[in-house]
Amino acid sequence: MRQSLCRRLGFIGLQGLLQISSTTIFFTTEAHSLCTGVSKSHLSIGSLSVAPVILGTLRLAVDDDDALTKATNLLRAAPRGTLIDTAELYGDGKVEALLGEAANRADRKLGPDDLPVATKFAPGPFRLNSGSVVEACRASARRLNVEKIDLYQMHFRDIKQPLSIIGLRNEKDEDYWDGLAECYHAGLISNVGVCNYGPETLRRAHNYLSNRGVPLVSNQINFNLMRYRSSGETKDACDELGVCVMGYHPLGNGALAGKYDLDDLTTLPTLPSKRRRMKWYLKNSRPVVDVVRRIAESRGKSCAHVATNWVLHKGAVPIVGSRDDVQFADSLESAGWSLSKE
């Protein structure tokens, strides 16, 4: 049981070790990254100094009647240095616009001196060249009401290939990287990042941008206790290249939050598709969740706090999605302490 669980957590042969006995359960971890350290109140991502928990905005409900009020309260409550992560795809640009208006109402400034902002370009079949990136960057800046975007990221590889069914592909990744470089050298953005890049594509992008005089500072990936083994190679490549890992889904789509229980179906989501998905997550992560729950109880923390703190310990910066200021305030309890022997 002990060895199989350790393998499930991805610790065997890696830099962390979970030890389980009849009397002790503890993590021993060693953070080794150019972008983070648990003991620091602020971390470095490229030229940015950011708080150790990133605010993800995918879950902002832009069409609710109180959307602006919630977003305003959320930004008002965010500690200085909190990196706000968004994307043009979120609500088809509505989330960017909401953040721009909410920052103004909250008397906060989206920028490196207050709340740094990161957004993303979405590749697509009708975005044909580097100019598409520059155009999209300017549009995002207008919606966010900023003169300069602090971190501009490629959302994913150019994977949408509608003509691939007849054997035709026209992948434009290098054209898009050229667009990132043009934005950087034109002063439209301060830092360049990517998202969902595996080791091979990451190395290609890093080398390509380096030849254009552009540092690649971050790679945003799905990173949590449930996916540590599958994402380990990418994390190693990031460390090798000096690229900061920004980890989304630190709670494993909610499975690591500790609030869902296969033995109590009333705790599961009511929407059938979400319920089926959560059952699958819980079935495959139950040993991990049980250990996280026991550690949380012994430390007086929530399961969400433990799972998110683990991401920090592994040298990544967690992105925590929040709908309102109460949720985000709770997520801040994930930082400022260390998992250790009890």
C-alpha atoms as a PDB file:
ATOM      1  CA  MET A   1       0.000   0.000   0.000  1.00  0.00           C
ATOM      2  CA  ARG A   2       2.732   2.432   0.980  1.00  0.00           C
ATOM      3  CA  GLN A   3       4.729   1.980  -2.228  1.00  0.00           C
ATOM      4  CA  SER A   4       1.707   2.004  -4.552  1.00  0.00           C
ATOM      5  CA  LEU A   5       0.369   5.165  -2.919  1.00  0.00           C
ATOM      6  CA  CYS A   6       3.733   6.868  -3.185  1.00  0.00           C
ATOM      7  CA  ARG A   7       3.855   5.957  -6.861  1.00  0.00           C
ATOM      8  CA  ARG A   8       0.316   7.306  -7.285  1.00  0.00           C
ATOM      9  CA  LEU A   9       1.486  10.608  -5.811  1.00  0.00           C
ATOM     10  CA  GLY A  10       4.457  10.624  -8.149  1.00  0.00           C
ATOM     11  CA  PHE A  11       7.075  10.870  -5.422  1.00  0.00           C
ATOM     12  CA  ILE A  12       9.185   7.764  -6.061  1.00  0.00           C
ATOM     13  CA  GLY A  13      12.424   8.774  -7.748  1.00  0.00           C
ATOM     14  CA  LEU A  14      11.444  12.440  -7.643  1.00  0.00           C
ATOM     15  CA  GLN A  15      12.234  15.283  -5.263  1.00  0.00           C
ATOM     16  CA  GLY A  16       9.465  14.639  -2.784  1.00  0.00           C
ATOM     17  CA  LEU A  17       8.644  11.723  -0.525  1.00  0.00           C
ATOM     18  CA  LEU A  18       5.410  10.879   1.217  1.00  0.00           C
ATOM     19  CA  GLN A  19       5.939   8.742   4.286  1.00  0.00           C
ATOM     20  CA  ILE A  20       3.085   6.920   5.922  1.00  0.00           C
ATOM     21  CA  SER A  21       3.178   4.885   9.114  1.00  0.00           C
ATOM     22  CA  SER A  22       0.813   4.146  11.957  1.00  0.00           C
ATOM     23  CA  THR A  23       1.836   7.318  13.746  1.00  0.00           C
ATOM     24  CA  THR A  24       3.063   9.850  11.195  1.00  0.00           C
ATOM     25  CA  ILE A  25       1.989  11.297   7.879  1.00  0.00           C
ATOM     26  CA  PHE A  26       4.106  14.048   6.464  1.00  0.00           C
ATOM     27  CA  PHE A  27       5.517  15.564   3.332  1.00  0.00           C
ATOM     28  CA  THR A  28       9.192  16.297   2.930  1.00  0.00           C
ATOM     29  CA  THR A  29       9.584  18.549  -0.059  1.00  0.00           C
ATOM     30  CA  GLU A  30      12.288  20.560  -1.703  1.00  0.00           C
ATOM     31  CA  ALA A  31      11.246  23.548  -3.784  1.00  0.00           C
ATOM     32  CA  HIS A  32      13.701  24.287  -6.558  1.00  0.00           C
ATOM     33  CA  SER A  33      12.609  26.878  -9.053  1.00  0.00           C
ATOM     34  CA  LEU A  34      13.612  30.261 -10.310  1.00  0.00           C
ATOM     35  CA  CYS A  35      10.099  31.605  -9.753  1.00  0.00           C
ATOM     36  CA  THR A  36       9.034  30.579  -6.282  1.00  0.00           C
ATOM     37  CA  GLY A  37       9.800  29.724  -2.676  1.00  0.00           C
ATOM     38  CA  VAL A  38       7.255  29.072   0.052  1.00  0.00           C
ATOM     39  CA  SER A  39       8.918  31.351   2.582  1.00  0.00           C
ATOM     40  CA  LYS A  40       8.811  34.384   0.314  1.00  0.00           C
ATOM     41  CA  SER A  41       5.965  36.878   0.473  1.00  0.00           C
ATOM     42  CA  HIS A  42       6.516  37.754  -3.175  1.00  0.00           C
ATOM     43  CA  LEU A  43       7.904  35.701  -6.053  1.00  0.00           C
ATOM     44  CA  SER A  44       9.496  36.598  -9.366  1.00  0.00           C
ATOM     45  CA  ILE A  45       8.027  35.798 -12.771  1.00  0.00           C
ATOM     46  CA  GLY A  46      10.215  37.521 -15.318  1.00  0.00           C
ATOM     47  CA  SER A  47      10.290  41.204 -14.424  1.00  0.00           C
ATOM     48  CA  LEU A  48       7.238  40.864 -12.172  1.00  0.00           C
ATOM     49  CA  SER A  49       7.130  40.586  -8.391  1.00  0.00           C
ATOM     50  CA  VAL A  50       3.945  38.698  -7.534  1.00  0.00           C
ATOM     51  CA  ALA A  51       2.143  37.287  -4.511  1.00  0.00           C
ATOM     52  CA  PRO A  52       2.405  33.484  -4.093  1.00  0.00           C
ATOM     53  CA  VAL A  53      -1.215  32.797  -5.108  1.00  0.00           C
ATOM     54  CA  ILE A  54      -2.389  33.826  -8.582  1.00  0.00           C
ATOM     55  CA  LEU A  55      -6.023  34.857  -9.054  1.00  0.00           C
ATOM     56  CA  GLY A  56      -7.586  32.900 -11.917  1.00  0.00           C
ATOM     57  CA  THR A  57     -10.621  34.489 -13.552  1.00  0.00           C
ATOM     58  CA  LEU A  58     -12.064  31.698 -15.699  1.00  0.00           C
ATOM     59  CA  ARG A  59     -14.891  31.206 -13.200  1.00  0.00           C
ATOM     60  CA  LEU A  60     -16.058  34.828 -13.142  1.00  0.00           C
ATOM     61  CA  ALA A  61     -19.744  34.892 -14.074  1.00  0.00           C
ATOM     62  CA  VAL A  62     -19.774  37.845 -16.447  1.00  0.00           C
ATOM     63  CA  ASP A  63     -23.489  37.712 -17.267  1.00  0.00           C
ATOM     64  CA  ASP A  64     -24.813  37.753 -13.694  1.00  0.00           C
ATOM     65  CA  ASP A  65     -26.604  40.901 -12.564  1.00  0.00           C
ATOM     66  CA  ASP A  66     -24.062  41.375  -9.783  1.00  0.00           C
ATOM     67  CA  ALA A  67     -21.009  40.432 -11.880  1.00  0.00           C
ATOM     68  CA  LEU A  68     -19.433  43.881 -11.686  1.00  0.00           C
ATOM     69  CA  THR A  69     -20.030  44.151  -7.940  1.00  0.00           C
ATOM     70  CA  LYS A  70     -18.445  40.748  -7.300  1.00  0.00           C
ATOM     71  CA  ALA A  71     -15.465  41.498  -9.532  1.00  0.00           C
ATOM     72  CA  THR A  72     -14.990  44.896  -7.891  1.00  0.00           C
ATOM     73  CA  ASN A  73     -15.022  43.379  -4.401  1.00  0.00           C
ATOM     74  CA  LEU A  74     -12.655  40.650  -5.551  1.00  0.00           C
ATOM     75  CA  LEU A  75     -10.058  43.087  -6.872  1.00  0.00           C
ATOM     76  CA  ARG A  76     -10.506  45.376  -3.889  1.00  0.00           C
ATOM     77  CA  ALA A  77      -9.665  42.472  -1.552  1.00  0.00           C
ATOM     78  CA  ALA A  78      -6.691  41.154  -3.537  1.00  0.00           C
ATOM     79  CA  PRO A  79      -3.335  41.831  -1.841  1.00  0.00           C
ATOM     80  CA  ARG A  80      -0.958  44.094  -3.685  1.00  0.00           C
ATOM     81  CA  GLY A  81       1.138  42.063  -6.090  1.00  0.00           C
ATOM     82  CA  THR A  82      -1.588  39.514  -6.834  1.00  0.00           C
ATOM     83  CA  LEU A  83      -1.205  38.423 -10.459  1.00  0.00           C
ATOM     84  CA  ILE A  84      -4.578  38.482 -12.225  1.00  0.00           C
ATOM     85  CA  ASP A  85      -4.686  35.727 -14.851  1.00  0.00           C
ATOM     86  CA  THR A  86      -7.266  35.966 -17.619  1.00  0.00           C
ATOM     87  CA  ALA A  87      -7.650  35.326 -21.363  1.00  0.00           C
ATOM     88  CA  GLU A  88      -9.416  36.695 -24.395  1.00  0.00           C
ATOM     89  CA  LEU A  89     -11.277  33.378 -24.637  1.00  0.00           C
ATOM     90  CA  TYR A  90     -12.848  33.822 -21.201  1.00  0.00           C
ATOM     91  CA  GLY A  91     -16.356  34.995 -21.974  1.00  0.00           C
ATOM     92  CA  ASP A  92     -15.248  35.990 -25.470  1.00  0.00           C
ATOM     93  CA  GLY A  93     -13.402  39.013 -24.089  1.00  0.00           C
ATOM     94  CA  LYS A  94     -16.067  39.871 -21.517  1.00  0.00           C
ATOM     95  CA  VAL A  95     -13.905  38.841 -18.565  1.00  0.00           C
ATOM     96  CA  GLU A  96     -11.093  41.148 -19.674  1.00  0.00           C
ATOM     97  CA  ALA A  97     -13.560  44.015 -20.026  1.00  0.00           C
ATOM     98  CA  LEU A  98     -15.119  43.217 -16.647  1.00  0.00           C
ATOM     99  CA  LEU A  99     -11.705  43.280 -14.972  1.00  0.00           C
ATOM    100  CA  GLY A 100     -10.854  46.608 -16.566  1.00  0.00           C
ATOM    101  CA  GLU A 101     -14.064  48.198 -15.300  1.00  0.00           C
ATOM    102  CA  ALA A 102     -13.885  46.510 -11.892  1.00  0.00           C
ATOM    103  CA  ALA A 103     -10.323  47.716 -11.302  1.00  0.00           C
ATOM    104  CA  ASN A 104     -11.446  51.275 -11.952  1.00  0.00           C
ATOM    105  CA  ARG A 105     -14.389  50.964  -9.548  1.00  0.00           C
ATOM    106  CA  ALA A 106     -12.210  49.325  -6.892  1.00  0.00           C
ATOM    107  CA  ASP A 107      -9.649  52.109  -7.205  1.00  0.00           C
ATOM    108  CA  ARG A 108      -7.032  49.517  -8.118  1.00  0.00           C
ATOM    109  CA  LYS A 109      -4.564  49.659 -10.986  1.00  0.00           C
ATOM    110  CA  LEU A 110      -3.922  46.695 -13.249  1.00  0.00           C
ATOM    111  CA  GLY A 111      -0.153  46.877 -13.552  1.00  0.00           C
ATOM    112  CA  PRO A 112       3.149  45.875 -11.939  1.00  0.00           C
ATOM    113  CA  ASP A 113       2.881  48.405  -9.100  1.00  0.00           C
ATOM    114  CA  ASP A 114      -0.469  47.092  -7.846  1.00  0.00           C
ATOM    115  CA  LEU A 115      -2.173  44.130  -9.537  1.00  0.00           C
ATOM    116  CA  PRO A 116      -0.088  42.704 -12.401  1.00  0.00           C
ATOM    117  CA  VAL A 117      -2.223  41.287 -15.184  1.00  0.00           C
ATOM    118  CA  ALA A 118      -1.647  38.302 -17.462  1.00  0.00           C
ATOM    119  CA  THR A 119      -3.777  37.415 -20.445  1.00  0.00           C
ATOM    120  CA  LYS A 120      -3.592  35.040 -23.389  1.00  0.00           C
ATOM    121  CA  PHE A 121      -3.740  34.879 -27.183  1.00  0.00           C
ATOM    122  CA  ALA A 122      -5.845  32.059 -28.650  1.00  0.00           C
ATOM    123  CA  PRO A 123      -4.480  30.472 -31.849  1.00  0.00           C
ATOM    124  CA  GLY A 124      -7.031  29.669 -34.526  1.00  0.00           C
ATOM    125  CA  PRO A 125      -7.423  28.830 -38.222  1.00  0.00           C
ATOM    126  CA  PHE A 126      -8.394  32.391 -39.126  1.00  0.00           C
ATOM    127  CA  ARG A 127      -5.470  33.972 -37.314  1.00  0.00           C
ATOM    128  CA  LEU A 128      -2.998  33.739 -40.112  1.00  0.00           C
ATOM    129  CA  ASN A 129       0.231  35.458 -39.090  1.00  0.00           C
ATOM    130  CA  SER A 130       2.184  37.449 -36.521  1.00  0.00           C
ATOM    131  CA  GLY A 131      -0.033  40.461 -37.135  1.00  0.00           C
ATOM    132  CA  SER A 132      -2.949  38.526 -35.650  1.00  0.00           C
ATOM    133  CA  VAL A 133      -1.077  38.349 -32.343  1.00  0.00           C
ATOM    134  CA  VAL A 134      -0.314  42.063 -32.328  1.00  0.00           C
ATOM    135  CA  GLU A 135      -3.927  42.920 -33.162  1.00  0.00           C
ATOM    136  CA  ALA A 136      -5.265  40.633 -30.431  1.00  0.00           C
ATOM    137  CA  CYS A 137      -2.784  42.018 -27.911  1.00  0.00           C
ATOM    138  CA  ARG A 138      -3.924  45.576 -28.567  1.00  0.00           C
ATOM    139  CA  ALA A 139      -7.574  44.502 -28.259  1.00  0.00           C
ATOM    140  CA  SER A 140      -6.922  42.798 -24.912  1.00  0.00           C
ATOM    141  CA  ALA A 141      -5.139  45.893 -23.617  1.00  0.00           C
ATOM    142  CA  ARG A 142      -8.122  48.053 -24.590  1.00  0.00           C
ATOM    143  CA  ARG A 143     -10.571  45.774 -22.801  1.00  0.00           C
ATOM    144  CA  LEU A 144      -8.364  45.640 -19.707  1.00  0.00           C
ATOM    145  CA  ASN A 145      -7.887  49.404 -19.876  1.00  0.00           C
ATOM    146  CA  VAL A 146      -4.097  49.135 -19.635  1.00  0.00           C
ATOM    147  CA  GLU A 147      -1.349  50.631 -21.739  1.00  0.00           C
ATOM    148  CA  LYS A 148       0.875  47.588 -21.375  1.00  0.00           C
ATOM    149  CA  ILE A 149       0.155  43.937 -20.577  1.00  0.00           C
ATOM    150  CA  ASP A 150       2.443  42.593 -17.861  1.00  0.00           C
ATOM    151  CA  LEU A 151       2.484  38.974 -19.072  1.00  0.00           C
ATOM    152  CA  TYR A 152       1.182  37.957 -22.496  1.00  0.00           C
ATOM    153  CA  GLN A 153       0.837  34.228 -23.075  1.00  0.00           C
ATOM    154  CA  MET A 154       0.154  31.820 -25.918  1.00  0.00           C
ATOM    155  CA  HIS A 155      -2.929  29.949 -24.687  1.00  0.00           C
ATOM    156  CA  PHE A 156      -2.098  26.654 -26.421  1.00  0.00           C
ATOM    157  CA  ARG A 157      -0.392  25.304 -29.508  1.00  0.00           C
ATOM    158  CA  ASP A 158      -1.949  25.839 -32.929  1.00  0.00           C
ATOM    159  CA  ILE A 159      -3.946  22.637 -32.615  1.00  0.00           C
ATOM    160  CA  LYS A 160      -7.159  23.698 -34.359  1.00  0.00           C
ATOM    161  CA  GLN A 161      -6.618  22.295 -37.838  1.00  0.00           C
ATOM    162  CA  PRO A 162     -10.015  21.952 -39.577  1.00  0.00           C
ATOM    163  CA  LEU A 163      -8.422  20.745 -42.832  1.00  0.00           C
ATOM    164  CA  SER A 164      -6.535  17.926 -41.142  1.00  0.00           C
ATOM    165  CA  ILE A 165      -9.417  15.586 -42.033  1.00  0.00           C
ATOM    166  CA  ILE A 166      -8.226  15.786 -45.647  1.00  0.00           C
ATOM    167  CA  GLY A 167      -4.568  15.606 -44.717  1.00  0.00           C
ATOM    168  CA  LEU A 168      -3.819  19.334 -44.749  1.00  0.00           C
ATOM    169  CA  ARG A 169      -2.195  21.054 -41.787  1.00  0.00           C
ATOM    170  CA  ASN A 170      -0.921  24.589 -41.477  1.00  0.00           C
ATOM    171  CA  GLU A 171       0.507  24.978 -37.999  1.00  0.00           C
ATOM    172  CA  LYS A 172       1.462  28.591 -37.352  1.00  0.00           C
ATOM    173  CA  ASP A 173       3.224  28.343 -33.992  1.00  0.00           C
ATOM    174  CA  GLU A 174       6.371  30.077 -35.250  1.00  0.00           C
ATOM    175  CA  ASP A 175       4.302  32.856 -36.809  1.00  0.00           C
ATOM    176  CA  TYR A 176       2.603  33.356 -33.459  1.00  0.00           C
ATOM    177  CA  TRP A 177       5.953  33.383 -31.649  1.00  0.00           C
ATOM    178  CA  ASP A 178       7.029  36.079 -34.086  1.00  0.00           C
ATOM    179  CA  GLY A 179       3.914  37.979 -33.028  1.00  0.00           C
ATOM    180  CA  LEU A 180       4.852  37.671 -29.363  1.00  0.00           C
ATOM    181  CA  ALA A 181       8.305  39.011 -30.191  1.00  0.00           C
ATOM    182  CA  GLU A 182       6.799  41.937 -32.109  1.00  0.00           C
ATOM    183  CA  CYS A 183       4.558  42.786 -29.148  1.00  0.00           C
ATOM    184  CA  TYR A 184       7.537  42.604 -26.790  1.00  0.00           C
ATOM    185  CA  HIS A 185       9.823  44.787 -28.880  1.00  0.00           C
ATOM    186  CA  ALA A 186       7.012  47.270 -29.563  1.00  0.00           C
ATOM    187  CA  GLY A 187       6.545  47.771 -25.822  1.00  0.00           C
ATOM    188  CA  LEU A 188       3.004  46.386 -25.806  1.00  0.00           C
ATOM    189  CA  ILE A 189       3.913  43.721 -23.246  1.00  0.00           C
ATOM    190  CA  SER A 190       6.497  43.337 -20.496  1.00  0.00           C
ATOM    191  CA  ASN A 191       6.877  39.549 -20.396  1.00  0.00           C
ATOM    192  CA  VAL A 192       6.179  36.564 -22.642  1.00  0.00           C
ATOM    193  CA  GLY A 193       4.750  33.230 -21.533  1.00  0.00           C
ATOM    194  CA  VAL A 194       3.114  30.117 -22.941  1.00  0.00           C
ATOM    195  CA  CYS A 195       0.466  27.695 -21.709  1.00  0.00           C
ATOM    196  CA  ASN A 196      -0.004  23.953 -22.077  1.00  0.00           C
ATOM    197  CA  TYR A 197       3.374  23.402 -23.741  1.00  0.00           C
ATOM    198  CA  GLY A 198       5.076  20.047 -23.271  1.00  0.00           C
ATOM    199  CA  PRO A 199       8.875  19.702 -23.052  1.00  0.00           C
ATOM    200  CA  GLU A 200       9.573  19.521 -26.793  1.00  0.00           C
ATOM    201  CA  THR A 201       7.412  22.493 -27.797  1.00  0.00           C
ATOM    202  CA  LEU A 202       8.652  24.449 -24.796  1.00  0.00           C
ATOM    203  CA  ARG A 203      12.271  24.005 -25.868  1.00  0.00           C
ATOM    204  CA  ARG A 204      11.412  25.006 -29.436  1.00  0.00           C
ATOM    205  CA  ALA A 205       9.607  28.130 -28.283  1.00  0.00           C
ATOM    206  CA  HIS A 206      12.350  29.046 -25.820  1.00  0.00           C
ATOM    207  CA  ASN A 207      15.043  28.749 -28.495  1.00  0.00           C
ATOM    208  CA  TYR A 208      12.990  30.555 -31.144  1.00  0.00           C
ATOM    209  CA  LEU A 209      12.134  33.485 -28.888  1.00  0.00           C
ATOM    210  CA  SER A 210      15.685  33.663 -27.547  1.00  0.00           C
ATOM    211  CA  ASN A 211      16.925  34.127 -31.102  1.00  0.00           C
ATOM    212  CA  ARG A 212      14.517  37.063 -31.363  1.00  0.00           C
ATOM    213  CA  GLY A 213      15.904  38.576 -28.165  1.00  0.00           C
ATOM    214  CA  VAL A 214      12.831  37.676 -26.114  1.00  0.00           C
ATOM    215  CA  PRO A 215      13.016  35.808 -22.781  1.00  0.00           C
ATOM    216  CA  LEU A 216      10.364  33.145 -22.227  1.00  0.00           C
ATOM    217  CA  VAL A 217       9.461  33.503 -18.551  1.00  0.00           C
ATOM    218  CA  SER A 218       6.547  31.143 -17.853  1.00  0.00           C
ATOM    219  CA  ASN A 219       4.633  28.034 -18.849  1.00  0.00           C
ATOM    220  CA  GLN A 220       1.127  27.547 -17.477  1.00  0.00           C
ATOM    221  CA  ILE A 221       0.233  23.865 -17.071  1.00  0.00           C
ATOM    222  CA  ASN A 222      -2.195  21.567 -15.265  1.00  0.00           C
ATOM    223  CA  PHE A 223      -0.191  20.862 -12.106  1.00  0.00           C
ATOM    224  CA  ASN A 224      -1.424  19.136  -8.966  1.00  0.00           C
ATOM    225  CA  LEU A 225      -0.977  16.067  -6.763  1.00  0.00           C
ATOM    226  CA  MET A 226      -3.002  13.919  -9.151  1.00  0.00           C
ATOM    227  CA  ARG A 227      -0.986  14.866 -12.231  1.00  0.00           C
ATOM    228  CA  TYR A 228       2.501  15.202 -10.802  1.00  0.00           C
ATOM    229  CA  ARG A 229       3.959  12.197 -12.598  1.00  0.00           C
ATOM    230  CA  SER A 230       2.518  13.155 -15.989  1.00  0.00           C
ATOM    231  CA  SER A 231       3.629  16.780 -15.667  1.00  0.00           C
ATOM    232  CA  GLY A 232       7.016  16.034 -14.105  1.00  0.00           C
ATOM    233  CA  GLU A 233       8.930  15.992 -17.397  1.00  0.00           C
ATOM    234  CA  THR A 234       7.503  19.367 -18.352  1.00  0.00           C
ATOM    235  CA  LYS A 235       8.361  20.771 -14.925  1.00  0.00           C
ATOM    236  CA  ASP A 236      11.938  19.495 -15.291  1.00  0.00           C
ATOM    237  CA  ALA A 237      12.240  21.159 -18.708  1.00  0.00           C
ATOM    238  CA  CYS A 238      10.964  24.431 -17.262  1.00  0.00           C
ATOM    239  CA  ASP A 239      13.502  24.279 -14.435  1.00  0.00           C
ATOM    240  CA  GLU A 240      16.272  23.520 -16.910  1.00  0.00           C
ATOM    241  CA  LEU A 241      15.365  26.538 -19.060  1.00  0.00           C
ATOM    242  CA  GLY A 242      14.648  28.923 -16.187  1.00  0.00           C
ATOM    243  CA  VAL A 243      10.946  29.081 -17.061  1.00  0.00           C
ATOM    244  CA  CYS A 244       8.500  29.576 -14.187  1.00  0.00           C
ATOM    245  CA  VAL A 245       5.694  27.024 -13.878  1.00  0.00           C
ATOM    246  CA  MET A 246       2.261  28.497 -13.235  1.00  0.00           C
ATOM    247  CA  GLY A 247       0.005  25.652 -12.114  1.00  0.00           C
ATOM    248  CA  TYR A 248      -3.704  25.676 -12.860  1.00  0.00           C
ATOM    249  CA  HIS A 249      -6.214  23.205 -11.343  1.00  0.00           C
ATOM    250  CA  PRO A 250      -4.220  22.910  -8.079  1.00  0.00           C
ATOM    251  CA  LEU A 251      -7.276  21.159  -6.612  1.00  0.00           C
ATOM    252  CA  GLY A 252      -7.527  18.604  -9.418  1.00  0.00           C
ATOM    253  CA  ASN A 253     -10.842  19.927 -10.746  1.00  0.00           C
ATOM    254  CA  GLY A 254     -12.136  19.966  -7.178  1.00  0.00           C
ATOM    255  CA  ALA A 255     -11.304  16.350  -6.309  1.00  0.00           C
ATOM    256  CA  LEU A 256      -8.558  17.458  -3.892  1.00  0.00           C
ATOM    257  CA  ALA A 257     -10.765  20.034  -2.163  1.00  0.00           C
ATOM    258  CA  GLY A 258     -12.042  17.458   0.311  1.00  0.00           C
ATOM    259  CA  LYS A 259     -15.682  18.452  -0.039  1.00  0.00           C
ATOM    260  CA  TYR A 260     -16.734  15.596  -2.338  1.00  0.00           C
ATOM    261  CA  ASP A 261     -17.214  12.039  -1.076  1.00  0.00           C
ATOM    262  CA  LEU A 262     -18.055   8.913  -3.077  1.00  0.00           C
ATOM    263  CA  ASP A 263     -19.729   7.494   0.027  1.00  0.00           C
ATOM    264  CA  ASP A 264     -22.082  10.475   0.237  1.00  0.00           C
ATOM    265  CA  LEU A 265     -23.666  11.178  -3.143  1.00  0.00           C
ATOM    266  CA  THR A 266     -25.333  14.327  -1.809  1.00  0.00           C
ATOM    267  CA  THR A 267     -21.910  16.014  -1.849  1.00  0.00           C
ATOM    268  CA  LEU A 268     -21.461  15.495  -5.594  1.00  0.00           C
ATOM    269  CA  PRO A 269     -22.424  18.014  -8.306  1.00  0.00           C
ATOM    270  CA  THR A 270     -26.042  17.764  -9.424  1.00  0.00           C
ATOM    271  CA  LEU A 271     -25.377  18.264 -13.149  1.00  0.00           C
ATOM    272  CA  PRO A 272     -25.104  14.723 -14.603  1.00  0.00           C
ATOM    273  CA  SER A 273     -21.994  15.372 -16.702  1.00  0.00           C
ATOM    274  CA  LYS A 274     -20.166  17.009 -13.788  1.00  0.00           C
ATOM    275  CA  ARG A 275     -21.305  14.254 -11.425  1.00  0.00           C
ATOM    276  CA  ARG A 276     -19.928  11.524 -13.718  1.00  0.00           C
ATOM    277  CA  ARG A 277     -16.640  13.389 -14.103  1.00  0.00           C
ATOM    278  CA  MET A 278     -16.288  13.951 -10.361  1.00  0.00           C
ATOM    279  CA  LYS A 279     -16.994  10.281  -9.646  1.00  0.00           C
ATOM    280  CA  TRP A 280     -14.169   9.352 -12.006  1.00  0.00           C
ATOM    281  CA  TYR A 281     -11.776  11.844 -10.391  1.00  0.00           C
ATOM    282  CA  LEU A 282     -12.636  10.670  -6.886  1.00  0.00           C
ATOM    283  CA  LYS A 283     -12.359   6.990  -7.771  1.00  0.00           C
ATOM    284  CA  ASN A 284      -8.879   7.510  -9.196  1.00  0.00           C
ATOM    285  CA  SER A 285      -7.645   9.847  -6.475  1.00  0.00           C
ATOM    286  CA  ARG A 286      -9.190   8.423  -3.320  1.00  0.00           C
ATOM    287  CA  PRO A 287      -5.898   7.339  -1.653  1.00  0.00           C
ATOM    288  CA  VAL A 288      -4.410  10.760  -2.358  1.00  0.00           C
ATOM    289  CA  VAL A 289      -7.457  12.610  -1.040  1.00  0.00           C
ATOM    290  CA  ASP A 290      -7.476  10.492   2.120  1.00  0.00           C
ATOM    291  CA  VAL A 291      -3.856  11.414   2.855  1.00  0.00           C
ATOM    292  CA  VAL A 292      -4.452  15.098   2.102  1.00  0.00           C
ATOM    293  CA  ARG A 293      -7.478  15.083   4.414  1.00  0.00           C
ATOM    294  CA  ARG A 294      -5.468  13.543   7.267  1.00  0.00           C
ATOM    295  CA  ILE A 295      -2.664  16.068   6.840  1.00  0.00           C
ATOM    296  CA  ALA A 296      -5.180  18.926   6.736  1.00  0.00           C
ATOM    297  CA  GLU A 297      -6.809  17.775   9.961  1.00  0.00           C
ATOM    298  CA  SER A 298      -3.452  17.467  11.710  1.00  0.00           C
ATOM    299  CA  ARG A 299      -2.407  20.976  10.650  1.00  0.00           C
ATOM    300  CA  GLY A 300      -5.705  22.750  11.193  1.00  0.00           C
ATOM    301  CA  LYS A 301      -5.945  23.533   7.481  1.00  0.00           C
ATOM    302  CA  SER A 302      -8.423  22.651   4.768  1.00  0.00           C
ATOM    303  CA  CYS A 303      -7.707  20.046   2.092  1.00  0.00           C
ATOM    304  CA  ALA A 304      -7.642  22.864  -0.455  1.00  0.00           C
ATOM    305  CA  HIS A 305      -4.959  24.663   1.547  1.00  0.00           C
ATOM    306  CA  VAL A 306      -2.777  21.550   1.710  1.00  0.00           C
ATOM    307  CA  ALA A 307      -3.148  20.715  -1.990  1.00  0.00           C
ATOM    308  CA  THR A 308      -2.364  24.290  -3.041  1.00  0.00           C
ATOM    309  CA  ASN A 309       0.567  24.594  -0.636  1.00  0.00           C
ATOM    310  CA  TRP A 310       2.000  21.409  -2.155  1.00  0.00           C
ATOM    311  CA  VAL A 311       2.112  23.158  -5.547  1.00  0.00           C
ATOM    312  CA  LEU A 312       4.183  25.943  -3.994  1.00  0.00           C
ATOM    313  CA  HIS A 313       6.517  23.397  -2.422  1.00  0.00           C
ATOM    314  CA  LYS A 314       7.127  21.839  -5.810  1.00  0.00           C
ATOM    315  CA  GLY A 315       8.424  25.138  -7.144  1.00  0.00           C
ATOM    316  CA  ALA A 316       5.325  26.236  -9.069  1.00  0.00           C
ATOM    317  CA  VAL A 317       2.970  29.176  -8.553  1.00  0.00           C
ATOM    318  CA  PRO A 318      -0.652  28.039  -8.079  1.00  0.00           C
ATOM    319  CA  ILE A 319      -3.503  29.649  -9.996  1.00  0.00           C
ATOM    320  CA  VAL A 320      -6.648  29.592  -7.870  1.00  0.00           C
ATOM    321  CA  GLY A 321      -9.941  30.285  -9.608  1.00  0.00           C
ATOM    322  CA  SER A 322     -12.327  32.355  -7.495  1.00  0.00           C
ATOM    323  CA  ARG A 323     -15.822  33.707  -8.085  1.00  0.00           C
ATOM    324  CA  ASP A 324     -15.770  36.234  -5.251  1.00  0.00           C
ATOM    325  CA  ASP A 325     -13.656  37.839  -2.560  1.00  0.00           C
ATOM    326  CA  VAL A 326     -14.634  35.291   0.103  1.00  0.00           C
ATOM    327  CA  GLN A 327     -13.346  32.370  -1.954  1.00  0.00           C
ATOM    328  CA  PHE A 328     -10.113  34.145  -2.805  1.00  0.00           C
ATOM    329  CA  ALA A 329      -9.503  35.246   0.782  1.00  0.00           C
ATOM    330  CA  ASP A 330      -9.723  31.602   1.838  1.00  0.00           C
ATOM    331  CA  SER A 331      -7.239  30.549  -0.868  1.00  0.00           C
ATOM    332  CA  LEU A 332      -4.649  32.959   0.549  1.00  0.00           C
ATOM    333  CA  GLU A 333      -4.425  30.660   3.584  1.00  0.00           C
ATOM    334  CA  SER A 334      -2.582  28.224   1.302  1.00  0.00           C
ATOM    335  CA  ALA A 335       0.599  30.317   1.477  1.00  0.00           C
ATOM    336  CA  GLY A 336       2.826  31.478   4.302  1.00  0.00           C
ATOM    337  CA  TRP A 337       3.362  28.068   5.926  1.00  0.00           C
ATOM    338  CA  SER A 338       5.181  24.847   5.089  1.00  0.00           C
ATOM    339  CA  LEU A 339       4.273  21.200   4.964  1.00  0.00           C
ATOM    340  CA  SER A 340       6.609  19.399   7.361  1.00  0.00           C
ATOM    341  CA  LYS A 341       6.984  16.467   9.757  1.00  0.00           C
ATOM    342  CA  GLU A 342       4.300  16.513  12.428  1.00  0.00           C
END
